[in-house]
Amino acid sequence: MIQLLRVLFLCAAGFVVTSANGQSADGLRGINVLVAYHSLSGNTERMAEAVAEGARTVSPTHVSVKRVQQVTAEDLFAADAIILGSPVYWSNMAGEVKAFIDDWQFKFGVFPEFKLKNKVGAAFATGGQISSGKELTMLSMLAAMLGNYMIVVSGGGAFGASATTEGNSPGIDEQELAGARDLGQRVAEVAVAVKRGFEPPEGRAASSGQ
């Protein structure tokens, strides 16, 4: 009885209770979060790792962190959520990230079926100065997601998480890393809610062997 009351309390508080096999209490199987990024200096990579750290706080979640050049079609289509990260180059995303987005169509063949439809999407960026185009960079990545019928969310900031890497405090500070973790956590939470909403109750029962 005590254990039952504990489960009910956690559910009422908004927590996702999981079993040993990675399923939630209602039979929902784990979600896959893909964090894809480009990084030369290592700053965007640090943000990517923090985003992944935040996503892992939500159960049941599996997180994959890869450079955009390493992402395969299997990675892309298996993901329930895709979080893109880029440094700011001339107030826009890096060419490598743009090439990766172009690959969605020309290499991975998302059209005409809109294979990324209803996947959760988000973005983060790093830039040298405060007004270096980080918001424009994130909006460009989010626009590509909207064009693919993805469900776009933010976190860690109005358009996503970002960091300023030059100036009086060079490098990424703890507040910026915390914003990245917040973004990862929110994306995972929304992805769980979306998957639960789209998956019929009878499907959950079947997948859990009931």
C-alpha atoms as a PDB file:
ATOM      1  CA  MET A   1       0.000   0.000   0.000  1.00  0.00           C
ATOM      2  CA  ILE A   2       2.841   2.391   0.852  1.00  0.00           C
ATOM      3  CA  GLN A   3       4.515   1.696  -2.477  1.00  0.00           C
ATOM      4  CA  LEU A   4       1.240   2.296  -4.324  1.00  0.00           C
ATOM      5  CA  LEU A   5       0.743   5.620  -2.555  1.00  0.00           C
ATOM      6  CA  ARG A   6       4.305   6.608  -3.457  1.00  0.00           C
ATOM      7  CA  VAL A   7       3.726   5.880  -7.160  1.00  0.00           C
ATOM      8  CA  LEU A   8       0.481   7.849  -7.130  1.00  0.00           C
ATOM      9  CA  PHE A   9       2.195  10.766  -5.429  1.00  0.00           C
ATOM     10  CA  LEU A  10       5.021  10.872  -7.988  1.00  0.00           C
ATOM     11  CA  CYS A  11       2.584  10.731 -10.884  1.00  0.00           C
ATOM     12  CA  ALA A  12       0.472  13.507  -9.389  1.00  0.00           C
ATOM     13  CA  ALA A  13       3.602  15.614  -8.952  1.00  0.00           C
ATOM     14  CA  GLY A  14       4.397  15.306 -12.638  1.00  0.00           C
ATOM     15  CA  PHE A  15       7.224  12.778 -12.463  1.00  0.00           C
ATOM     16  CA  VAL A  16       7.574   9.933 -14.964  1.00  0.00           C
ATOM     17  CA  VAL A  17       7.882   6.633 -13.107  1.00  0.00           C
ATOM     18  CA  THR A  18       9.939   4.056 -14.968  1.00  0.00           C
ATOM     19  CA  SER A  19      10.455   0.343 -14.635  1.00  0.00           C
ATOM     20  CA  ALA A  20      13.717  -1.592 -14.872  1.00  0.00           C
ATOM     21  CA  ASN A  21      13.251  -2.183 -18.625  1.00  0.00           C
ATOM     22  CA  GLY A  22      13.096   1.557 -19.385  1.00  0.00           C
ATOM     23  CA  GLN A  23       9.332   1.874 -19.673  1.00  0.00           C
ATOM     24  CA  SER A  24       7.238   4.416 -17.830  1.00  0.00           C
ATOM     25  CA  ALA A  25       4.460   3.319 -15.493  1.00  0.00           C
ATOM     26  CA  ASP A  26       1.915   3.661 -18.319  1.00  0.00           C
ATOM     27  CA  GLY A  27       3.930   1.436 -20.667  1.00  0.00           C
ATOM     28  CA  LEU A  28       5.543   4.237 -22.690  1.00  0.00           C
ATOM     29  CA  ARG A  29       8.896   3.108 -24.060  1.00  0.00           C
ATOM     30  CA  GLY A  30      11.903   5.389 -23.822  1.00  0.00           C
ATOM     31  CA  ILE A  31      12.353   8.360 -26.118  1.00  0.00           C
ATOM     32  CA  ASN A  32      15.445   9.050 -28.213  1.00  0.00           C
ATOM     33  CA  VAL A  33      16.996  12.525 -28.147  1.00  0.00           C
ATOM     34  CA  LEU A  34      19.621  13.395 -30.758  1.00  0.00           C
ATOM     35  CA  VAL A  35      21.975  16.290 -29.979  1.00  0.00           C
ATOM     36  CA  ALA A  36      23.796  17.181 -33.211  1.00  0.00           C
ATOM     37  CA  TYR A  37      26.336  19.998 -33.398  1.00  0.00           C
ATOM     38  CA  HIS A  38      29.378  21.490 -35.111  1.00  0.00           C
ATOM     39  CA  SER A  39      32.325  22.789 -33.115  1.00  0.00           C
ATOM     40  CA  LEU A  40      35.857  23.955 -33.938  1.00  0.00           C
ATOM     41  CA  SER A  41      37.064  25.519 -30.692  1.00  0.00           C
ATOM     42  CA  GLY A  42      35.139  23.181 -28.384  1.00  0.00           C
ATOM     43  CA  ASN A  43      32.688  25.784 -27.067  1.00  0.00           C
ATOM     44  CA  THR A  44      29.645  24.449 -28.912  1.00  0.00           C
ATOM     45  CA  GLU A  45      30.687  20.934 -27.931  1.00  0.00           C
ATOM     46  CA  ARG A  46      30.609  21.934 -24.254  1.00  0.00           C
ATOM     47  CA  MET A  47      27.114  23.302 -24.722  1.00  0.00           C
ATOM     48  CA  ALA A  48      26.064  20.097 -26.506  1.00  0.00           C
ATOM     49  CA  GLU A  49      27.271  18.017 -23.579  1.00  0.00           C
ATOM     50  CA  ALA A  50      25.319  20.215 -21.147  1.00  0.00           C
ATOM     51  CA  VAL A  51      22.176  19.930 -23.307  1.00  0.00           C
ATOM     52  CA  ALA A  52      22.562  16.142 -23.246  1.00  0.00           C
ATOM     53  CA  GLU A  53      23.063  16.205 -19.480  1.00  0.00           C
ATOM     54  CA  GLY A  54      19.770  18.035 -19.049  1.00  0.00           C
ATOM     55  CA  ALA A  55      17.904  15.658 -21.362  1.00  0.00           C
ATOM     56  CA  ARG A  56      19.150  12.651 -19.397  1.00  0.00           C
ATOM     57  CA  THR A  57      17.428  13.914 -16.254  1.00  0.00           C
ATOM     58  CA  VAL A  58      14.085  12.967 -17.811  1.00  0.00           C
ATOM     59  CA  SER A  59      13.100   9.307 -17.828  1.00  0.00           C
ATOM     60  CA  PRO A  60      12.760   7.257 -19.918  1.00  0.00           C
ATOM     61  CA  THR A  61      15.259   8.977 -22.236  1.00  0.00           C
ATOM     62  CA  HIS A  62      18.205   7.821 -24.362  1.00  0.00           C
ATOM     63  CA  VAL A  63      20.481  10.623 -25.555  1.00  0.00           C
ATOM     64  CA  SER A  64      22.904  10.478 -28.479  1.00  0.00           C
ATOM     65  CA  VAL A  65      25.476  13.286 -28.920  1.00  0.00           C
ATOM     66  CA  LYS A  66      27.124  13.499 -32.350  1.00  0.00           C
ATOM     67  CA  ARG A  67      28.837  15.952 -34.628  1.00  0.00           C
ATOM     68  CA  VAL A  68      26.618  16.691 -37.613  1.00  0.00           C
ATOM     69  CA  GLN A  69      29.014  14.903 -39.970  1.00  0.00           C
ATOM     70  CA  GLN A  70      28.588  11.683 -37.963  1.00  0.00           C
ATOM     71  CA  VAL A  71      24.788  11.588 -37.938  1.00  0.00           C
ATOM     72  CA  THR A  72      23.264   8.791 -40.022  1.00  0.00           C
ATOM     73  CA  ALA A  73      19.780   8.429 -41.467  1.00  0.00           C
ATOM     74  CA  GLU A  74      19.092   5.839 -38.779  1.00  0.00           C
ATOM     75  CA  ASP A  75      20.065   8.331 -36.058  1.00  0.00           C
ATOM     76  CA  LEU A  76      17.815  10.982 -37.563  1.00  0.00           C
ATOM     77  CA  PHE A  77      14.696   8.890 -38.032  1.00  0.00           C
ATOM     78  CA  ALA A  78      15.033   7.034 -34.722  1.00  0.00           C
ATOM     79  CA  ALA A  79      15.079  10.313 -32.794  1.00  0.00           C
ATOM     80  CA  ASP A  80      11.937  11.567 -31.095  1.00  0.00           C
ATOM     81  CA  ALA A  81      13.669  14.922 -30.583  1.00  0.00           C
ATOM     82  CA  ILE A  82      16.474  16.668 -32.462  1.00  0.00           C
ATOM     83  CA  ILE A  83      18.492  19.468 -30.843  1.00  0.00           C
ATOM     84  CA  LEU A  84      20.856  21.312 -33.177  1.00  0.00           C
ATOM     85  CA  GLY A  85      23.837  23.371 -32.066  1.00  0.00           C
ATOM     86  CA  SER A  86      26.065  25.700 -34.054  1.00  0.00           C
ATOM     87  CA  PRO A  87      28.687  28.403 -33.602  1.00  0.00           C
ATOM     88  CA  VAL A  88      27.791  31.756 -35.131  1.00  0.00           C
ATOM     89  CA  TYR A  89      29.555  32.491 -38.418  1.00  0.00           C
ATOM     90  CA  TRP A  90      28.714  35.933 -39.841  1.00  0.00           C
ATOM     91  CA  SER A  91      25.381  36.053 -37.993  1.00  0.00           C
ATOM     92  CA  ASN A  92      24.323  32.638 -39.251  1.00  0.00           C
ATOM     93  CA  MET A  93      24.812  28.931 -38.619  1.00  0.00           C
ATOM     94  CA  ALA A  94      28.041  27.197 -39.623  1.00  0.00           C
ATOM     95  CA  GLY A  95      28.159  25.809 -43.163  1.00  0.00           C
ATOM     96  CA  GLU A  96      28.500  22.292 -41.773  1.00  0.00           C
ATOM     97  CA  VAL A  97      25.181  22.611 -39.938  1.00  0.00           C
ATOM     98  CA  LYS A  98      23.457  24.036 -43.027  1.00  0.00           C
ATOM     99  CA  ALA A  99      24.834  21.143 -45.103  1.00  0.00           C
ATOM    100  CA  PHE A 100      23.462  18.713 -42.510  1.00  0.00           C
ATOM    101  CA  ILE A 101      20.021  20.307 -42.723  1.00  0.00           C
ATOM    102  CA  ASP A 102      20.184  20.116 -46.527  1.00  0.00           C
ATOM    103  CA  ASP A 103      21.041  16.422 -46.168  1.00  0.00           C
ATOM    104  CA  TRP A 104      17.658  15.848 -44.564  1.00  0.00           C
ATOM    105  CA  GLN A 105      16.184  16.137 -48.023  1.00  0.00           C
ATOM    106  CA  PHE A 106      18.980  15.369 -50.471  1.00  0.00           C
ATOM    107  CA  LYS A 107      20.764  12.563 -48.596  1.00  0.00           C
ATOM    108  CA  PHE A 108      18.258  11.156 -46.095  1.00  0.00           C
ATOM    109  CA  GLY A 109      15.114  11.661 -48.176  1.00  0.00           C
ATOM    110  CA  VAL A 110      12.680  13.177 -45.704  1.00  0.00           C
ATOM    111  CA  PHE A 111      10.442  14.390 -48.529  1.00  0.00           C
ATOM    112  CA  PRO A 112       7.782  13.989 -49.765  1.00  0.00           C
ATOM    113  CA  GLU A 113       6.582  12.042 -46.706  1.00  0.00           C
ATOM    114  CA  PHE A 114       7.788  14.654 -44.160  1.00  0.00           C
ATOM    115  CA  LYS A 115       9.501  11.932 -42.155  1.00  0.00           C
ATOM    116  CA  LEU A 116      10.479  14.362 -39.397  1.00  0.00           C
ATOM    117  CA  LYS A 117       6.867  15.372 -38.779  1.00  0.00           C
ATOM    118  CA  ASN A 118       5.925  15.661 -35.093  1.00  0.00           C
ATOM    119  CA  LYS A 119       9.482  15.208 -33.875  1.00  0.00           C
ATOM    120  CA  VAL A 120      10.418  17.796 -31.262  1.00  0.00           C
ATOM    121  CA  GLY A 121      13.087  20.286 -32.334  1.00  0.00           C
ATOM    122  CA  ALA A 122      15.238  22.883 -30.578  1.00  0.00           C
ATOM    123  CA  ALA A 123      18.454  24.836 -31.112  1.00  0.00           C
ATOM    124  CA  PHE A 124      21.443  26.316 -29.284  1.00  0.00           C
ATOM    125  CA  ALA A 125      24.301  28.532 -30.397  1.00  0.00           C
ATOM    126  CA  THR A 126      27.613  30.022 -29.314  1.00  0.00           C
ATOM    127  CA  GLY A 127      28.988  33.358 -30.479  1.00  0.00           C
ATOM    128  CA  GLY A 128      32.007  35.493 -29.758  1.00  0.00           C
ATOM    129  CA  GLN A 129      30.178  38.701 -28.807  1.00  0.00           C
ATOM    130  CA  ILE A 130      26.860  39.507 -27.146  1.00  0.00           C
ATOM    131  CA  SER A 131      25.320  40.874 -30.349  1.00  0.00           C
ATOM    132  CA  SER A 132      26.950  38.488 -32.797  1.00  0.00           C
ATOM    133  CA  GLY A 133      23.827  36.929 -34.300  1.00  0.00           C
ATOM    134  CA  LYS A 134      23.086  34.060 -31.929  1.00  0.00           C
ATOM    135  CA  GLU A 135      19.324  34.643 -32.101  1.00  0.00           C
ATOM    136  CA  LEU A 136      19.422  34.771 -35.907  1.00  0.00           C
ATOM    137  CA  THR A 137      21.410  31.541 -35.954  1.00  0.00           C
ATOM    138  CA  MET A 138      18.942  29.724 -33.728  1.00  0.00           C
ATOM    139  CA  LEU A 139      15.958  31.077 -35.661  1.00  0.00           C
ATOM    140  CA  SER A 140      17.486  29.827 -38.919  1.00  0.00           C
ATOM    141  CA  MET A 141      17.786  26.310 -37.520  1.00  0.00           C
ATOM    142  CA  LEU A 142      14.285  26.448 -36.050  1.00  0.00           C
ATOM    143  CA  ALA A 143      12.870  27.680 -39.368  1.00  0.00           C
ATOM    144  CA  ALA A 144      14.223  24.560 -41.079  1.00  0.00           C
ATOM    145  CA  MET A 145      12.529  22.425 -38.442  1.00  0.00           C
ATOM    146  CA  LEU A 146       9.211  24.223 -38.885  1.00  0.00           C
ATOM    147  CA  GLY A 147       9.460  23.609 -42.614  1.00  0.00           C
ATOM    148  CA  ASN A 148       9.689  19.905 -41.837  1.00  0.00           C
ATOM    149  CA  TYR A 149       6.521  19.964 -39.689  1.00  0.00           C
ATOM    150  CA  MET A 150       8.502  19.477 -36.487  1.00  0.00           C
ATOM    151  CA  ILE A 151       7.276  20.687 -33.080  1.00  0.00           C
ATOM    152  CA  VAL A 152       9.646  23.492 -32.100  1.00  0.00           C
ATOM    153  CA  VAL A 153      10.290  24.408 -28.468  1.00  0.00           C
ATOM    154  CA  SER A 154      12.666  26.714 -26.639  1.00  0.00           C
ATOM    155  CA  GLY A 155      14.366  26.623 -23.270  1.00  0.00           C
ATOM    156  CA  GLY A 156      17.340  28.269 -21.601  1.00  0.00           C
ATOM    157  CA  GLY A 157      16.334  31.436 -23.456  1.00  0.00           C
ATOM    158  CA  ALA A 158      13.586  32.790 -25.697  1.00  0.00           C
ATOM    159  CA  PHE A 159      14.820  30.916 -28.790  1.00  0.00           C
ATOM    160  CA  GLY A 160      17.062  28.326 -27.158  1.00  0.00           C
ATOM    161  CA  ALA A 161      20.259  28.185 -25.125  1.00  0.00           C
ATOM    162  CA  SER A 162      23.223  30.350 -26.077  1.00  0.00           C
ATOM    163  CA  ALA A 163      26.650  31.358 -24.852  1.00  0.00           C
ATOM    164  CA  THR A 164      29.019  34.298 -25.413  1.00  0.00           C
ATOM    165  CA  THR A 165      32.591  33.063 -25.627  1.00  0.00           C
ATOM    166  CA  GLU A 166      34.711  36.238 -25.866  1.00  0.00           C
ATOM    167  CA  GLY A 167      34.997  39.547 -24.007  1.00  0.00           C
ATOM    168  CA  ASN A 168      35.565  40.168 -20.308  1.00  0.00           C
ATOM    169  CA  SER A 169      34.730  36.571 -19.370  1.00  0.00           C
ATOM    170  CA  PRO A 170      36.054  34.357 -22.175  1.00  0.00           C
ATOM    171  CA  GLY A 171      34.645  30.879 -22.421  1.00  0.00           C
ATOM    172  CA  ILE A 172      31.294  29.515 -21.277  1.00  0.00           C
ATOM    173  CA  ASP A 173      30.194  30.243 -17.728  1.00  0.00           C
ATOM    174  CA  GLU A 174      28.052  28.120 -15.419  1.00  0.00           C
ATOM    175  CA  GLN A 175      24.925  30.170 -16.040  1.00  0.00           C
ATOM    176  CA  GLU A 176      25.163  29.479 -19.766  1.00  0.00           C
ATOM    177  CA  LEU A 177      25.743  25.781 -19.146  1.00  0.00           C
ATOM    178  CA  ALA A 178      22.713  25.774 -16.841  1.00  0.00           C
ATOM    179  CA  GLY A 179      20.666  27.265 -19.680  1.00  0.00           C
ATOM    180  CA  ALA A 180      21.848  24.461 -21.956  1.00  0.00           C
ATOM    181  CA  ARG A 181      20.811  21.868 -19.369  1.00  0.00           C
ATOM    182  CA  ASP A 182      17.415  23.557 -19.057  1.00  0.00           C
ATOM    183  CA  LEU A 183      16.961  23.323 -22.821  1.00  0.00           C
ATOM    184  CA  GLY A 184      17.801  19.624 -22.880  1.00  0.00           C
ATOM    185  CA  GLN A 185      15.458  18.888 -19.999  1.00  0.00           C
ATOM    186  CA  ARG A 186      12.543  20.781 -21.549  1.00  0.00           C
ATOM    187  CA  VAL A 187      12.973  19.109 -24.927  1.00  0.00           C
ATOM    188  CA  ALA A 188      12.971  15.673 -23.317  1.00  0.00           C
ATOM    189  CA  GLU A 189       9.895  16.515 -21.229  1.00  0.00           C
ATOM    190  CA  VAL A 190       7.983  17.739 -24.279  1.00  0.00           C
ATOM    191  CA  ALA A 191       9.102  14.724 -26.328  1.00  0.00           C
ATOM    192  CA  VAL A 192       7.764  12.366 -23.645  1.00  0.00           C
ATOM    193  CA  ALA A 193       4.453  14.233 -23.570  1.00  0.00           C
ATOM    194  CA  VAL A 194       4.176  14.240 -27.370  1.00  0.00           C
ATOM    195  CA  LYS A 195       4.954  10.538 -27.654  1.00  0.00           C
ATOM    196  CA  ARG A 196       2.445   9.720 -24.928  1.00  0.00           C
ATOM    197  CA  GLY A 197      -0.167  11.836 -26.681  1.00  0.00           C
ATOM    198  CA  PHE A 198       0.309  10.215 -30.089  1.00  0.00           C
ATOM    199  CA  GLU A 199       0.627   6.638 -28.843  1.00  0.00           C
ATOM    200  CA  PRO A 200      -2.809   4.989 -28.318  1.00  0.00           C
ATOM    201  CA  PRO A 201      -3.367   3.481 -24.848  1.00  0.00           C
ATOM    202  CA  GLU A 202      -3.880   0.046 -26.386  1.00  0.00           C
ATOM    203  CA  GLY A 203      -0.526   0.408 -28.140  1.00  0.00           C
ATOM    204  CA  ARG A 204       1.197   1.087 -24.850  1.00  0.00           C
ATOM    205  CA  ALA A 205      -0.410  -1.964 -23.298  1.00  0.00           C
ATOM    206  CA  ALA A 206       0.713  -4.118 -26.230  1.00  0.00           C
ATOM    207  CA  SER A 207       4.278  -2.794 -26.138  1.00  0.00           C
ATOM    208  CA  SER A 208       4.502  -3.502 -22.413  1.00  0.00           C
ATOM    209  CA  GLY A 209       3.368  -7.085 -22.912  1.00  0.00           C
ATOM    210  CA  GLN A 210       0.030  -6.654 -21.186  1.00  0.00           C
END
